[in-house]
Amino acid sequence: MAYDFDFVVDDGVATLTLNRPEVMNALTFDVYAQLRDLFADMRHDESVRAVILTGAGDNFCSGGDVQEIIGELLKRDMKGHIEFTRLTGAVVQNMRLLDKPIIAALNGMVAGAGSVLALASDLRIASERTRFAFLFTKVGLTGADMGAGYLLPRIVGLGRAFELLLLGDTIDAPTAERYGLVNRVVPHDDLMGTARTWARRIADGPTLALSMTKRMITNELGMDLVSAIEAEAQAQALLLMGEDHRAFYEAFTAKQKPKWTGR
């Protein structure tokens, strides 16, 4: 399928590169729809075991394209607006439902909807040049968009989430790391190499165990403690009977490295 971004799969690692550098990789209606469908399709694509999400050029993503989206939306009625906001939310929903880890390689400006795509990823590696801006309130919109009001407090805490979403200030990479918004800040030239190293570790690892871990963390966000402990007990019982766990034991006793099968 042809996409309005770059998408390649190499030995289990899918790399999705937003590719409109002339507008800081701003998103269009078509790009949103393609992202929604691609993240859904990857659930059933056994060739993909890990995903890298990044942007072409000097930026990750500046959010929705002002001319192609905002200008067009102003012509629509309420039904047209809710169709659009449900579309954008479906992108984040499908990213979180994808049980294959997503690594966001943040190479510059991360703003608006781009900041929520970063939030929806599982791991965030930032170039030293990265800047974050949750701009929604600065354009007269709620800061709780595309799931930001759900995801951000769970990543940085309630106080920081209020600060970022209410004020909409731009923060630099060291501040994002201090807030817990990114996992790691690396030199700009090391960004993609670090992202590929992490993705390679995931793709070469016990993929069923890793996918179950992502699934459980996501599911448990809405559970009480008793329900979460029981859910973990059931999930772990399944993995204890898996081929990879047996492979670990056999390799351990033979003083060898396990050969993971993802089963």
C-alpha atoms as a PDB file:
ATOM      1  CA  MET A   1       0.000   0.000   0.000  1.00  0.00           C
ATOM      2  CA  ALA A   2       1.178   3.550  -0.735  1.00  0.00           C
ATOM      3  CA  TYR A   3       1.460   5.856   2.280  1.00  0.00           C
ATOM      4  CA  ASP A   4       2.036   9.576   2.657  1.00  0.00           C
ATOM      5  CA  PHE A   5       4.965   8.683   4.925  1.00  0.00           C
ATOM      6  CA  ASP A   6       7.841   6.219   4.741  1.00  0.00           C
ATOM      7  CA  PHE A   7       7.301   2.718   6.097  1.00  0.00           C
ATOM      8  CA  VAL A   8       9.815  -0.125   5.921  1.00  0.00           C
ATOM      9  CA  VAL A   9      10.150  -3.428   7.761  1.00  0.00           C
ATOM     10  CA  ASP A  10      13.615  -4.887   8.186  1.00  0.00           C
ATOM     11  CA  ASP A  11      14.150  -8.133  10.108  1.00  0.00           C
ATOM     12  CA  GLY A  12      11.266  -7.595  12.513  1.00  0.00           C
ATOM     13  CA  VAL A  13      11.729  -3.842  13.020  1.00  0.00           C
ATOM     14  CA  ALA A  14       9.229  -1.509  11.333  1.00  0.00           C
ATOM     15  CA  THR A  15      10.366   2.086  10.866  1.00  0.00           C
ATOM     16  CA  LEU A  16       7.636   4.643  10.229  1.00  0.00           C
ATOM     17  CA  THR A  17       8.976   8.057   9.219  1.00  0.00           C
ATOM     18  CA  LEU A  18       6.624  11.002   8.919  1.00  0.00           C
ATOM     19  CA  ASN A  19       7.880  12.633   5.749  1.00  0.00           C
ATOM     20  CA  ARG A  20       6.719  16.192   5.157  1.00  0.00           C
ATOM     21  CA  PRO A  21       9.838  17.990   6.394  1.00  0.00           C
ATOM     22  CA  GLU A  22       8.957  21.223   4.605  1.00  0.00           C
ATOM     23  CA  VAL A  23       6.089  21.672   7.099  1.00  0.00           C
ATOM     24  CA  MET A  24       7.791  20.008  10.085  1.00  0.00           C
ATOM     25  CA  ASN A  25       6.012  16.734   9.262  1.00  0.00           C
ATOM     26  CA  ALA A  26       2.580  18.218   9.905  1.00  0.00           C
ATOM     27  CA  LEU A  27      -0.287  15.744   9.722  1.00  0.00           C
ATOM     28  CA  THR A  28      -3.072  15.736   7.138  1.00  0.00           C
ATOM     29  CA  PHE A  29      -6.463  14.015   7.041  1.00  0.00           C
ATOM     30  CA  ASP A  30      -4.972  11.287   4.844  1.00  0.00           C
ATOM     31  CA  VAL A  31      -1.952  10.768   7.097  1.00  0.00           C
ATOM     32  CA  TYR A  32      -4.184  10.404  10.161  1.00  0.00           C
ATOM     33  CA  ALA A  33      -6.329   7.805   8.371  1.00  0.00           C
ATOM     34  CA  GLN A  34      -3.288   5.919   7.109  1.00  0.00           C
ATOM     35  CA  LEU A  35      -1.702   5.866  10.573  1.00  0.00           C
ATOM     36  CA  ARG A  36      -4.955   4.626  12.102  1.00  0.00           C
ATOM     37  CA  ASP A  37      -5.194   1.765   9.631  1.00  0.00           C
ATOM     38  CA  LEU A  38      -1.495   0.859   9.643  1.00  0.00           C
ATOM     39  CA  PHE A  39      -1.296   0.545  13.434  1.00  0.00           C
ATOM     40  CA  ALA A  40      -4.397  -1.658  13.320  1.00  0.00           C
ATOM     41  CA  ASP A  41      -2.935  -3.801  10.529  1.00  0.00           C
ATOM     42  CA  MET A  42       0.348  -4.315  12.384  1.00  0.00           C
ATOM     43  CA  ARG A  43      -1.494  -6.188  15.134  1.00  0.00           C
ATOM     44  CA  HIS A  44      -1.788  -9.113  12.712  1.00  0.00           C
ATOM     45  CA  ASP A  45       1.523  -8.669  10.863  1.00  0.00           C
ATOM     46  CA  GLU A  46       3.907 -11.303  12.201  1.00  0.00           C
ATOM     47  CA  SER A  47       6.816  -9.746  10.300  1.00  0.00           C
ATOM     48  CA  VAL A  48       6.713  -6.793  12.735  1.00  0.00           C
ATOM     49  CA  ARG A  49       8.028  -7.270  16.256  1.00  0.00           C
ATOM     50  CA  ALA A  50       9.004  -3.703  17.152  1.00  0.00           C
ATOM     51  CA  VAL A  51       8.194  -0.262  15.728  1.00  0.00           C
ATOM     52  CA  ILE A  52      10.237   2.942  15.467  1.00  0.00           C
ATOM     53  CA  LEU A  53       8.260   6.150  14.907  1.00  0.00           C
ATOM     54  CA  THR A  54      10.239   9.215  13.811  1.00  0.00           C
ATOM     55  CA  GLY A  55      10.191  12.232  11.510  1.00  0.00           C
ATOM     56  CA  ALA A  56      12.160  13.198   8.421  1.00  0.00           C
ATOM     57  CA  GLY A  57      14.518  16.152   8.507  1.00  0.00           C
ATOM     58  CA  ASP A  58      15.009  18.256  11.614  1.00  0.00           C
ATOM     59  CA  ASN A  59      11.684  17.674  13.382  1.00  0.00           C
ATOM     60  CA  PHE A  60       9.440  14.900  14.661  1.00  0.00           C
ATOM     61  CA  CYS A  61       5.970  16.364  14.083  1.00  0.00           C
ATOM     62  CA  SER A  62       4.458  19.825  14.488  1.00  0.00           C
ATOM     63  CA  GLY A  63       0.865  18.544  14.786  1.00  0.00           C
ATOM     64  CA  GLY A  64      -2.022  19.037  12.415  1.00  0.00           C
ATOM     65  CA  ASP A  65      -1.388  21.001   9.243  1.00  0.00           C
ATOM     66  CA  VAL A  66      -2.830  24.484   9.773  1.00  0.00           C
ATOM     67  CA  GLN A  67      -3.874  24.991   6.168  1.00  0.00           C
ATOM     68  CA  GLU A  68      -4.952  21.476   5.225  1.00  0.00           C
ATOM     69  CA  ILE A  69      -6.788  20.637   8.453  1.00  0.00           C
ATOM     70  CA  ILE A  70      -7.706  23.695  10.488  1.00  0.00           C
ATOM     71  CA  GLY A  71      -8.772  25.746   7.495  1.00  0.00           C
ATOM     72  CA  GLU A  72     -10.879  22.869   6.195  1.00  0.00           C
ATOM     73  CA  LEU A  73     -12.440  22.074   9.572  1.00  0.00           C
ATOM     74  CA  LEU A  74     -13.733  25.612   9.932  1.00  0.00           C
ATOM     75  CA  LYS A  75     -16.008  24.849   6.966  1.00  0.00           C
ATOM     76  CA  ARG A  76     -17.481  21.717   8.584  1.00  0.00           C
ATOM     77  CA  ASP A  77     -20.499  21.245  10.829  1.00  0.00           C
ATOM     78  CA  MET A  78     -20.559  19.485  14.184  1.00  0.00           C
ATOM     79  CA  LYS A  79     -20.841  16.043  12.586  1.00  0.00           C
ATOM     80  CA  GLY A  80     -17.762  16.718  10.481  1.00  0.00           C
ATOM     81  CA  HIS A  81     -15.804  17.860  13.519  1.00  0.00           C
ATOM     82  CA  ILE A  82     -16.614  14.793  15.617  1.00  0.00           C
ATOM     83  CA  GLU A  83     -15.696  12.543  12.695  1.00  0.00           C
ATOM     84  CA  PHE A  84     -12.290  14.229  12.620  1.00  0.00           C
ATOM     85  CA  THR A  85     -11.640  14.104  16.369  1.00  0.00           C
ATOM     86  CA  ARG A  86     -12.653  10.452  16.482  1.00  0.00           C
ATOM     87  CA  LEU A  87     -10.249   9.779  13.611  1.00  0.00           C
ATOM     88  CA  THR A  88      -7.333  11.353  15.448  1.00  0.00           C
ATOM     89  CA  GLY A  89      -8.235   9.545  18.654  1.00  0.00           C
ATOM     90  CA  ALA A  90      -8.374   6.235  16.782  1.00  0.00           C
ATOM     91  CA  VAL A  91      -4.703   6.653  15.839  1.00  0.00           C
ATOM     92  CA  VAL A  92      -3.724   6.783  19.511  1.00  0.00           C
ATOM     93  CA  GLN A  93      -6.143   3.994  20.409  1.00  0.00           C
ATOM     94  CA  ASN A  94      -4.614   1.700  17.789  1.00  0.00           C
ATOM     95  CA  MET A  95      -1.102   2.559  18.932  1.00  0.00           C
ATOM     96  CA  ARG A  96      -1.985   1.546  22.483  1.00  0.00           C
ATOM     97  CA  LEU A  97      -3.821  -1.600  21.321  1.00  0.00           C
ATOM     98  CA  LEU A  98      -0.818  -2.687  19.242  1.00  0.00           C
ATOM     99  CA  ASP A  99       0.891  -5.255  21.458  1.00  0.00           C
ATOM    100  CA  LYS A 100       4.272  -4.616  19.835  1.00  0.00           C
ATOM    101  CA  PRO A 101       6.425  -1.975  21.521  1.00  0.00           C
ATOM    102  CA  ILE A 102       6.649   1.405  19.795  1.00  0.00           C
ATOM    103  CA  ILE A 103       9.789   3.521  20.187  1.00  0.00           C
ATOM    104  CA  ALA A 104       9.437   7.226  19.379  1.00  0.00           C
ATOM    105  CA  ALA A 105      12.735   8.652  18.100  1.00  0.00           C
ATOM    106  CA  LEU A 106      12.210  12.370  18.671  1.00  0.00           C
ATOM    107  CA  ASN A 107      14.505  14.366  16.435  1.00  0.00           C
ATOM    108  CA  GLY A 108      13.350  17.954  16.881  1.00  0.00           C
ATOM    109  CA  MET A 109      10.062  19.770  17.441  1.00  0.00           C
ATOM    110  CA  VAL A 110       7.323  17.635  19.040  1.00  0.00           C
ATOM    111  CA  ALA A 111       4.164  19.738  19.122  1.00  0.00           C
ATOM    112  CA  GLY A 112       0.390  19.445  19.274  1.00  0.00           C
ATOM    113  CA  ALA A 113      -0.790  16.143  17.868  1.00  0.00           C
ATOM    114  CA  GLY A 114       2.859  15.172  17.423  1.00  0.00           C
ATOM    115  CA  SER A 115       3.309  15.342  21.179  1.00  0.00           C
ATOM    116  CA  VAL A 116       0.387  12.937  21.640  1.00  0.00           C
ATOM    117  CA  LEU A 117       1.881  10.492  19.122  1.00  0.00           C
ATOM    118  CA  ALA A 118       4.990  10.553  21.298  1.00  0.00           C
ATOM    119  CA  LEU A 119       2.878   9.951  24.427  1.00  0.00           C
ATOM    120  CA  ALA A 120       1.132   7.015  22.755  1.00  0.00           C
ATOM    121  CA  SER A 121       4.486   5.347  22.109  1.00  0.00           C
ATOM    122  CA  ASP A 122       5.930   3.028  24.742  1.00  0.00           C
ATOM    123  CA  LEU A 123       9.464   4.370  24.828  1.00  0.00           C
ATOM    124  CA  ARG A 124      10.657   7.863  23.948  1.00  0.00           C
ATOM    125  CA  ILE A 125      14.240   8.646  22.990  1.00  0.00           C
ATOM    126  CA  ALA A 126      14.946  12.340  22.468  1.00  0.00           C
ATOM    127  CA  SER A 127      17.667  14.076  20.536  1.00  0.00           C
ATOM    128  CA  GLU A 128      19.337  16.848  22.484  1.00  0.00           C
ATOM    129  CA  ARG A 129      17.583  19.192  20.013  1.00  0.00           C
ATOM    130  CA  THR A 130      14.092  17.988  20.951  1.00  0.00           C
ATOM    131  CA  ARG A 131      11.480  20.459  22.159  1.00  0.00           C
ATOM    132  CA  PHE A 132       7.993  19.582  23.410  1.00  0.00           C
ATOM    133  CA  ALA A 133       4.922  21.815  23.221  1.00  0.00           C
ATOM    134  CA  PHE A 134       1.346  20.786  24.047  1.00  0.00           C
ATOM    135  CA  LEU A 135      -0.076  23.702  22.093  1.00  0.00           C
ATOM    136  CA  PHE A 136      -3.812  22.981  22.177  1.00  0.00           C
ATOM    137  CA  THR A 137      -4.882  25.692  24.630  1.00  0.00           C
ATOM    138  CA  LYS A 138      -2.752  28.239  22.775  1.00  0.00           C
ATOM    139  CA  VAL A 139      -5.008  27.812  19.738  1.00  0.00           C
ATOM    140  CA  GLY A 140      -8.223  27.939  21.749  1.00  0.00           C
ATOM    141  CA  LEU A 141      -8.726  24.192  22.136  1.00  0.00           C
ATOM    142  CA  THR A 142      -8.785  21.833  25.105  1.00  0.00           C
ATOM    143  CA  GLY A 143      -5.430  20.407  26.099  1.00  0.00           C
ATOM    144  CA  ALA A 144      -7.193  17.072  26.557  1.00  0.00           C
ATOM    145  CA  ASP A 145      -7.046  15.903  22.947  1.00  0.00           C
ATOM    146  CA  MET A 146      -6.391  12.508  21.338  1.00  0.00           C
ATOM    147  CA  GLY A 147      -5.999  10.945  24.779  1.00  0.00           C
ATOM    148  CA  ALA A 148      -3.490  13.469  26.143  1.00  0.00           C
ATOM    149  CA  GLY A 149      -5.616  14.022  29.247  1.00  0.00           C
ATOM    150  CA  TYR A 150      -5.462  10.279  29.919  1.00  0.00           C
ATOM    151  CA  LEU A 151      -1.868   9.506  28.976  1.00  0.00           C
ATOM    152  CA  LEU A 152       0.103  12.529  30.170  1.00  0.00           C
ATOM    153  CA  PRO A 153      -0.804  12.375  33.899  1.00  0.00           C
ATOM    154  CA  ARG A 154       0.134   8.692  33.885  1.00  0.00           C
ATOM    155  CA  ILE A 155       3.550   9.492  32.426  1.00  0.00           C
ATOM    156  CA  VAL A 156       4.567  12.695  34.227  1.00  0.00           C
ATOM    157  CA  GLY A 157       2.085  12.938  37.114  1.00  0.00           C
ATOM    158  CA  LEU A 158      -0.959  15.130  37.603  1.00  0.00           C
ATOM    159  CA  GLY A 159       0.842  18.349  38.519  1.00  0.00           C
ATOM    160  CA  ARG A 160       3.178  18.315  35.540  1.00  0.00           C
ATOM    161  CA  ALA A 161       0.310  17.342  33.236  1.00  0.00           C
ATOM    162  CA  PHE A 162      -1.667  20.391  34.366  1.00  0.00           C
ATOM    163  CA  GLU A 163       1.389  22.570  33.809  1.00  0.00           C
ATOM    164  CA  LEU A 164       2.064  21.275  30.301  1.00  0.00           C
ATOM    165  CA  LEU A 165      -1.554  21.178  29.126  1.00  0.00           C
ATOM    166  CA  LEU A 166      -2.789  24.427  30.699  1.00  0.00           C
ATOM    167  CA  LEU A 167       0.203  26.642  29.929  1.00  0.00           C
ATOM    168  CA  GLY A 168       1.265  25.075  26.646  1.00  0.00           C
ATOM    169  CA  ASP A 169       4.855  26.190  27.179  1.00  0.00           C
ATOM    170  CA  THR A 170       7.695  24.753  25.109  1.00  0.00           C
ATOM    171  CA  ILE A 171      10.180  22.665  27.090  1.00  0.00           C
ATOM    172  CA  ASP A 172      13.596  21.442  26.003  1.00  0.00           C
ATOM    173  CA  ALA A 173      14.973  17.902  26.042  1.00  0.00           C
ATOM    174  CA  PRO A 174      16.651  18.038  29.486  1.00  0.00           C
ATOM    175  CA  THR A 175      13.425  19.354  31.019  1.00  0.00           C
ATOM    176  CA  ALA A 176      11.411  16.624  29.282  1.00  0.00           C
ATOM    177  CA  GLU A 177      13.771  14.022  30.738  1.00  0.00           C
ATOM    178  CA  ARG A 178      13.556  15.580  34.201  1.00  0.00           C
ATOM    179  CA  TYR A 179       9.745  15.487  33.991  1.00  0.00           C
ATOM    180  CA  GLY A 180       9.842  11.814  32.970  1.00  0.00           C
ATOM    181  CA  LEU A 181       8.370  12.659  29.575  1.00  0.00           C
ATOM    182  CA  VAL A 182      11.239  10.937  27.731  1.00  0.00           C
ATOM    183  CA  ASN A 183      13.254   7.883  28.694  1.00  0.00           C
ATOM    184  CA  ARG A 184      16.587   9.062  27.370  1.00  0.00           C
ATOM    185  CA  VAL A 185      18.235  12.126  25.825  1.00  0.00           C
ATOM    186  CA  VAL A 186      21.075  11.368  23.431  1.00  0.00           C
ATOM    187  CA  PRO A 187      23.298  13.384  21.081  1.00  0.00           C
ATOM    188  CA  HIS A 188      21.401  14.203  17.908  1.00  0.00           C
ATOM    189  CA  ASP A 189      23.645  12.084  15.695  1.00  0.00           C
ATOM    190  CA  ASP A 190      23.129   9.061  17.984  1.00  0.00           C
ATOM    191  CA  LEU A 191      19.336   9.204  17.991  1.00  0.00           C
ATOM    192  CA  MET A 192      18.447   6.699  15.282  1.00  0.00           C
ATOM    193  CA  GLY A 193      21.289   4.392  16.224  1.00  0.00           C
ATOM    194  CA  THR A 194      20.024   4.252  19.807  1.00  0.00           C
ATOM    195  CA  ALA A 195      16.423   3.726  18.645  1.00  0.00           C
ATOM    196  CA  ARG A 196      17.504   0.885  16.344  1.00  0.00           C
ATOM    197  CA  THR A 197      19.533  -0.725  19.128  1.00  0.00           C
ATOM    198  CA  TRP A 198      16.522  -0.694  21.453  1.00  0.00           C
ATOM    199  CA  ALA A 199      14.232  -1.945  18.678  1.00  0.00           C
ATOM    200  CA  ARG A 200      16.702  -4.707  17.818  1.00  0.00           C
ATOM    201  CA  ARG A 201      16.770  -5.855  21.451  1.00  0.00           C
ATOM    202  CA  ILE A 202      12.979  -6.031  21.449  1.00  0.00           C
ATOM    203  CA  ALA A 203      12.707  -7.763  18.067  1.00  0.00           C
ATOM    204  CA  ASP A 204      15.336 -10.337  19.061  1.00  0.00           C
ATOM    205  CA  GLY A 205      13.824 -10.930  22.494  1.00  0.00           C
ATOM    206  CA  PRO A 206      10.993 -13.110  23.796  1.00  0.00           C
ATOM    207  CA  THR A 207       8.347 -11.269  21.814  1.00  0.00           C
ATOM    208  CA  LEU A 208       5.347 -12.969  23.399  1.00  0.00           C
ATOM    209  CA  ALA A 209       6.568 -11.990  26.864  1.00  0.00           C
ATOM    210  CA  LEU A 210       7.211  -8.432  25.708  1.00  0.00           C
ATOM    211  CA  SER A 211       3.847  -8.083  23.966  1.00  0.00           C
ATOM    212  CA  MET A 212       2.055  -9.486  27.012  1.00  0.00           C
ATOM    213  CA  THR A 213       3.886  -6.968  29.196  1.00  0.00           C
ATOM    214  CA  LYS A 214       2.666  -4.067  27.047  1.00  0.00           C
ATOM    215  CA  ARG A 215      -0.848  -5.488  26.952  1.00  0.00           C
ATOM    216  CA  MET A 216      -0.962  -5.928  30.739  1.00  0.00           C
ATOM    217  CA  ILE A 217       0.389  -2.471  31.539  1.00  0.00           C
ATOM    218  CA  THR A 218      -2.186  -0.919  29.219  1.00  0.00           C
ATOM    219  CA  ASN A 219      -5.059  -3.012  30.567  1.00  0.00           C
ATOM    220  CA  GLU A 220      -4.157  -2.427  34.204  1.00  0.00           C
ATOM    221  CA  LEU A 221      -4.377   1.356  33.911  1.00  0.00           C
ATOM    222  CA  GLY A 222      -8.126   1.066  34.472  1.00  0.00           C
ATOM    223  CA  MET A 223      -8.080  -1.681  37.117  1.00  0.00           C
ATOM    224  CA  ASP A 224      -8.136  -1.712  40.902  1.00  0.00           C
ATOM    225  CA  LEU A 225      -5.284  -3.491  42.675  1.00  0.00           C
ATOM    226  CA  VAL A 226      -7.143  -6.750  43.326  1.00  0.00           C
ATOM    227  CA  SER A 227      -8.230  -7.031  39.703  1.00  0.00           C
ATOM    228  CA  ALA A 228      -4.730  -6.193  38.472  1.00  0.00           C
ATOM    229  CA  ILE A 229      -3.086  -8.846  40.650  1.00  0.00           C
ATOM    230  CA  GLU A 230      -5.526 -11.491  39.435  1.00  0.00           C
ATOM    231  CA  ALA A 231      -5.050 -10.459  35.802  1.00  0.00           C
ATOM    232  CA  GLU A 232      -1.281 -10.710  36.224  1.00  0.00           C
ATOM    233  CA  ALA A 233      -1.617 -14.130  37.843  1.00  0.00           C
ATOM    234  CA  GLN A 234      -3.578 -15.438  34.866  1.00  0.00           C
ATOM    235  CA  ALA A 235      -1.227 -13.878  32.312  1.00  0.00           C
ATOM    236  CA  GLN A 236       1.867 -15.192  34.052  1.00  0.00           C
ATOM    237  CA  ALA A 237       0.401 -18.688  34.311  1.00  0.00           C
ATOM    238  CA  LEU A 238       0.045 -18.698  30.530  1.00  0.00           C
ATOM    239  CA  LEU A 239       3.614 -17.497  29.982  1.00  0.00           C
ATOM    240  CA  LEU A 240       4.967 -20.076  32.457  1.00  0.00           C
ATOM    241  CA  MET A 241       3.656 -22.713  30.043  1.00  0.00           C
ATOM    242  CA  GLY A 242       5.174 -21.003  27.009  1.00  0.00           C
ATOM    243  CA  GLU A 243       7.965 -22.334  24.830  1.00  0.00           C
ATOM    244  CA  ASP A 244      10.201 -19.338  25.541  1.00  0.00           C
ATOM    245  CA  HIS A 245      10.128 -19.898  29.293  1.00  0.00           C
ATOM    246  CA  ARG A 246      11.064 -23.558  28.770  1.00  0.00           C
ATOM    247  CA  ALA A 247      13.798 -22.442  26.361  1.00  0.00           C
ATOM    248  CA  PHE A 248      15.191 -20.181  29.079  1.00  0.00           C
ATOM    249  CA  TYR A 249      15.320 -23.038  31.575  1.00  0.00           C
ATOM    250  CA  GLU A 250      16.956 -25.443  29.170  1.00  0.00           C
ATOM    251  CA  ALA A 251      19.508 -22.843  28.109  1.00  0.00           C
ATOM    252  CA  PHE A 252      20.219 -21.929  31.726  1.00  0.00           C
ATOM    253  CA  THR A 253      20.914 -25.517  32.710  1.00  0.00           C
ATOM    254  CA  ALA A 254      23.117 -25.964  29.631  1.00  0.00           C
ATOM    255  CA  LYS A 255      24.924 -22.670  30.333  1.00  0.00           C
ATOM    256  CA  GLN A 256      23.858 -21.310  26.933  1.00  0.00           C
ATOM    257  CA  LYS A 257      21.871 -18.325  25.680  1.00  0.00           C
ATOM    258  CA  PRO A 258      18.184 -19.064  25.066  1.00  0.00           C
ATOM    259  CA  LYS A 259      16.837 -19.122  21.514  1.00  0.00           C
ATOM    260  CA  TRP A 260      13.555 -17.273  21.612  1.00  0.00           C
ATOM    261  CA  THR A 261      10.686 -18.350  19.368  1.00  0.00           C
ATOM    262  CA  GLY A 262       8.033 -15.861  20.483  1.00  0.00           C
ATOM    263  CA  ARG A 263       5.779 -18.686  21.680  1.00  0.00           C
END
